[in-house]
Amino acid sequence: MSDKNSWEMICVEVQSRTLSHPLLDVKSAKSLWAEILNCLTIASDKGILKSKPHEIRKLLQKYESSEIGKKGYYAIMGGVKNQDRDLNIPHFKLHNGRWFDFAITIDETVKPVQVIGFDFEIRFPKGEKDVAIPFLRIDLSLPEHKNELENIRFHLHPSNDDITTHSPPMSPIEILHMFLYGMQIRDKSRSMPS
């Protein structure tokens, strides 16, 4: 079986496997905010994150979600959503010139409390060891978004807003750790002839 129907069936399987994982369960929006604050503060203390503790507190906000518009839904914003990738818009700065922001939506009307949507985007400075991609965005679309109908709520954009593919299931904290500690660029590019 090697056709579009097979791929659509695979997407349904990947989607159900991804969204059934308890990695989207949290104690509360406030506890997730505190966990993110702790993670960012430690990274700042270690010199990984150039943003200072007072800047982190200013950038990391929690409030009722304006996107959902119902009681019991919260947003955690890490910087300002910036799909234009404008360096002048507030964001977190890493020691290596990379920079990122994120937005997370939490539903506290259910038990356990659930992360129901997010987008995390990291940008790479031009000329970074021949990195050919300017950004990577990892998204979990909100329920009832068209991506849910296409069985691809959990997805990533590899340096192109128009390219969407399944993302490995990761929690917001795991993605944050990946941005801070896990995106190493090889000293010698595999794609470049030696």
Protein backbone atom coordinates (compact mmCIF):
# COMPACT_ATOMS: atom_id res chain seq x y z
CA MET A 1 0.00 0.00 0.00
CA SER A 2 1.80 3.07 -1.20
CA ASP A 3 -0.57 5.88 -2.03
CA LYS A 4 -2.19 8.99 -0.59
CA ASN A 5 -4.74 6.92 1.36
CA SER A 6 -1.90 5.05 3.05
CA TRP A 7 -0.27 8.34 4.07
CA GLU A 8 -3.59 9.64 5.41
CA MET A 9 -4.00 6.47 7.50
CA ILE A 10 -0.45 6.89 8.82
CA CYS A 11 -1.27 10.50 9.75
CA VAL A 12 -4.32 9.37 11.74
CA GLU A 13 -2.16 6.83 13.63
CA VAL A 14 0.65 9.32 14.33
CA GLN A 15 -1.87 11.96 15.45
CA SER A 16 -3.66 9.64 17.88
CA ARG A 17 -0.38 8.32 19.28
CA THR A 18 0.98 11.84 19.71
CA LEU A 19 -2.06 13.40 21.36
CA SER A 20 -2.78 10.51 23.72
CA HIS A 21 0.57 10.87 25.43
CA PRO A 22 0.37 12.34 28.97
CA LEU A 23 3.12 14.82 28.13
CA LEU A 24 0.39 17.44 27.60
CA ASP A 25 -0.95 17.06 31.18
CA VAL A 26 0.07 19.79 33.65
CA LYS A 27 -0.90 20.64 37.24
CA SER A 28 -2.04 24.15 36.30
CA ALA A 29 -1.12 27.09 34.09
CA LYS A 30 0.56 28.70 37.11
CA SER A 31 2.70 25.60 37.81
CA LEU A 32 3.76 25.36 34.15
CA TRP A 33 4.63 29.09 34.18
CA ALA A 34 6.75 28.53 37.32
CA GLU A 35 8.51 25.51 35.76
CA ILE A 36 9.32 27.53 32.63
CA LEU A 37 10.55 30.45 34.74
CA ASN A 38 12.85 28.11 36.68
CA CYS A 39 14.18 26.53 33.47
CA LEU A 40 14.92 29.93 31.90
CA THR A 41 16.48 31.32 35.09
CA ILE A 42 18.85 28.35 35.38
CA ALA A 43 19.84 28.78 31.73
CA SER A 44 20.47 32.49 32.38
CA ASP A 45 22.57 31.69 35.49
CA LYS A 46 24.67 29.26 33.42
CA GLY A 47 25.22 31.80 30.62
CA ILE A 48 23.22 29.77 28.06
CA LEU A 49 20.48 32.39 27.94
CA LYS A 50 21.68 35.98 27.56
CA SER A 51 18.37 37.31 28.89
CA LYS A 52 18.81 38.36 32.52
CA PRO A 53 16.39 37.29 35.29
CA HIS A 54 14.54 40.66 35.28
CA GLU A 55 14.20 40.42 31.46
CA ILE A 56 12.93 36.84 31.75
CA ARG A 57 10.23 37.90 34.21
CA LYS A 58 9.20 40.73 31.89
CA LEU A 59 9.04 38.43 28.83
CA LEU A 60 7.34 35.46 30.52
CA GLN A 61 3.67 36.29 31.02
CA LYS A 62 0.59 34.28 32.06
CA TYR A 63 -2.92 35.55 31.54
CA GLU A 64 -6.41 34.48 30.46
CA SER A 65 -6.36 33.37 26.84
CA SER A 66 -7.72 35.96 24.42
CA GLU A 67 -7.51 33.39 21.62
CA ILE A 68 -10.04 31.04 23.26
CA GLY A 69 -12.12 33.78 24.92
CA LYS A 70 -13.69 31.52 27.58
CA LYS A 71 -13.08 31.28 31.32
CA GLY A 72 -10.61 28.62 32.39
CA TYR A 73 -8.25 28.95 29.41
CA TYR A 74 -4.83 30.52 29.90
CA ALA A 75 -1.93 31.66 27.76
CA ILE A 76 1.73 31.60 28.69
CA MET A 77 3.72 33.89 26.45
CA GLY A 78 7.50 33.78 26.22
CA GLY A 79 8.20 36.99 24.37
CA VAL A 80 5.90 38.27 21.66
CA LYS A 81 4.67 36.04 18.83
CA ASN A 82 6.88 37.05 15.94
CA GLN A 83 6.35 35.17 12.69
CA ASP A 84 7.82 38.14 10.82
CA ARG A 85 11.07 37.27 12.66
CA ASP A 86 11.78 40.88 13.56
CA LEU A 87 14.76 41.25 15.93
CA ASN A 88 13.16 44.39 17.39
CA ILE A 89 10.21 42.46 18.84
CA PRO A 90 10.85 41.19 22.42
CA HIS A 91 12.28 37.65 22.57
CA PHE A 92 14.73 35.43 24.45
CA LYS A 93 18.38 35.64 23.39
CA LEU A 94 20.80 32.73 23.56
CA HIS A 95 24.57 33.01 24.06
CA ASN A 96 25.22 31.83 20.48
CA GLY A 97 23.14 34.51 18.74
CA ARG A 98 20.04 32.37 18.34
CA TRP A 99 16.75 33.78 19.59
CA PHE A 100 13.29 32.41 20.30
CA ASP A 101 9.79 33.03 21.59
CA PHE A 102 6.79 30.86 22.33
CA ALA A 103 3.08 30.83 23.15
CA ILE A 104 1.27 28.08 25.05
CA THR A 105 -2.49 27.63 25.58
CA ILE A 106 -3.72 25.70 28.63
CA ASP A 107 -7.22 24.36 29.34
CA GLU A 108 -7.99 24.35 33.08
CA THR A 109 -11.64 23.35 32.53
CA VAL A 110 -10.63 19.67 32.29
CA LYS A 111 -8.89 17.27 34.67
CA PRO A 112 -6.07 16.69 34.28
CA VAL A 113 -5.32 20.23 33.11
CA GLN A 114 -4.10 20.11 29.49
CA VAL A 115 -1.78 22.00 27.20
CA ILE A 116 -4.01 22.30 24.13
CA GLY A 117 -1.85 24.38 21.84
CA PHE A 118 1.54 25.98 21.43
CA ASP A 119 4.06 27.37 19.03
CA PHE A 120 7.78 27.54 19.72
CA GLU A 121 10.08 29.15 17.19
CA ILE A 122 13.86 29.45 17.25
CA ARG A 123 15.80 31.56 14.74
CA PHE A 124 19.40 31.09 13.66
CA PRO A 125 21.73 34.00 12.91
CA LYS A 126 22.93 34.36 9.35
CA GLY A 127 26.30 32.72 8.79
CA GLU A 128 26.13 30.32 11.75
CA LYS A 129 28.52 27.55 10.65
CA ASP A 130 26.83 27.24 7.26
CA VAL A 131 23.39 26.70 8.78
CA ALA A 132 21.05 26.85 5.82
CA ILE A 133 17.84 27.24 7.80
CA PRO A 134 16.77 30.56 9.26
CA PHE A 135 14.21 29.11 11.71
CA LEU A 136 12.49 26.04 13.12
CA ARG A 137 8.95 26.21 14.51
CA ILE A 138 7.25 23.45 16.47
CA ASP A 139 3.47 23.77 16.83
CA LEU A 140 0.53 22.08 18.45
CA SER A 141 -2.53 23.56 16.76
CA LEU A 142 -5.59 24.22 18.89
CA PRO A 143 -8.42 21.66 18.76
CA GLU A 144 -10.74 22.11 15.78
CA HIS A 145 -8.02 23.87 13.77
CA LYS A 146 -7.86 22.68 10.14
CA ASN A 147 -4.65 20.83 11.04
CA GLU A 148 -6.69 18.56 13.32
CA LEU A 149 -8.86 17.60 10.34
CA GLU A 150 -5.66 16.76 8.45
CA ASN A 151 -4.37 14.74 11.44
CA ILE A 152 -1.37 16.94 11.94
CA ARG A 153 -2.05 19.08 15.02
CA PHE A 154 1.46 18.31 16.35
CA HIS A 155 3.79 19.49 13.58
CA LEU A 156 6.89 21.43 12.68
CA HIS A 157 7.90 23.98 10.07
CA PRO A 158 11.51 23.47 8.95
CA SER A 159 12.43 27.02 7.87
CA ASN A 160 9.36 27.51 5.76
CA ASP A 161 5.89 28.54 6.98
CA ASP A 162 4.34 26.63 4.07
CA ILE A 163 6.05 23.29 4.83
CA THR A 164 4.35 21.29 7.57
CA THR A 165 5.30 17.81 8.75
CA HIS A 166 4.64 15.71 11.85
CA SER A 167 6.69 16.63 14.88
CA PRO A 168 7.87 14.11 17.44
CA PRO A 169 5.67 14.36 20.53
CA MET A 170 7.34 16.75 22.98
CA SER A 171 6.08 18.76 25.92
CA PRO A 172 6.65 22.52 26.13
CA ILE A 173 9.41 21.95 28.71
CA GLU A 174 11.13 19.41 26.46
CA ILE A 175 11.05 21.81 23.50
CA LEU A 176 12.41 24.60 25.68
CA HIS A 177 15.27 22.36 26.83
CA MET A 178 15.99 21.43 23.21
CA PHE A 179 16.23 25.12 22.27
CA LEU A 180 18.51 25.85 25.24
CA TYR A 181 20.77 22.79 25.26
CA GLY A 182 20.06 20.34 22.46
CA MET A 183 20.56 22.00 19.10
CA GLN A 184 24.24 21.53 18.44
CA ILE A 185 25.69 22.45 15.07
CA ARG A 186 28.44 20.10 13.88
CA ASP A 187 31.92 21.57 13.46
CA LYS A 188 32.09 20.01 10.01
CA SER A 189 28.95 20.00 7.91
CA ARG A 190 27.86 16.63 6.52
CA SER A 191 26.28 18.33 3.53
CA MET A 192 29.35 20.29 2.53
CA PRO A 193 32.12 18.56 0.54
CA SER A 194 35.44 18.43 2.41
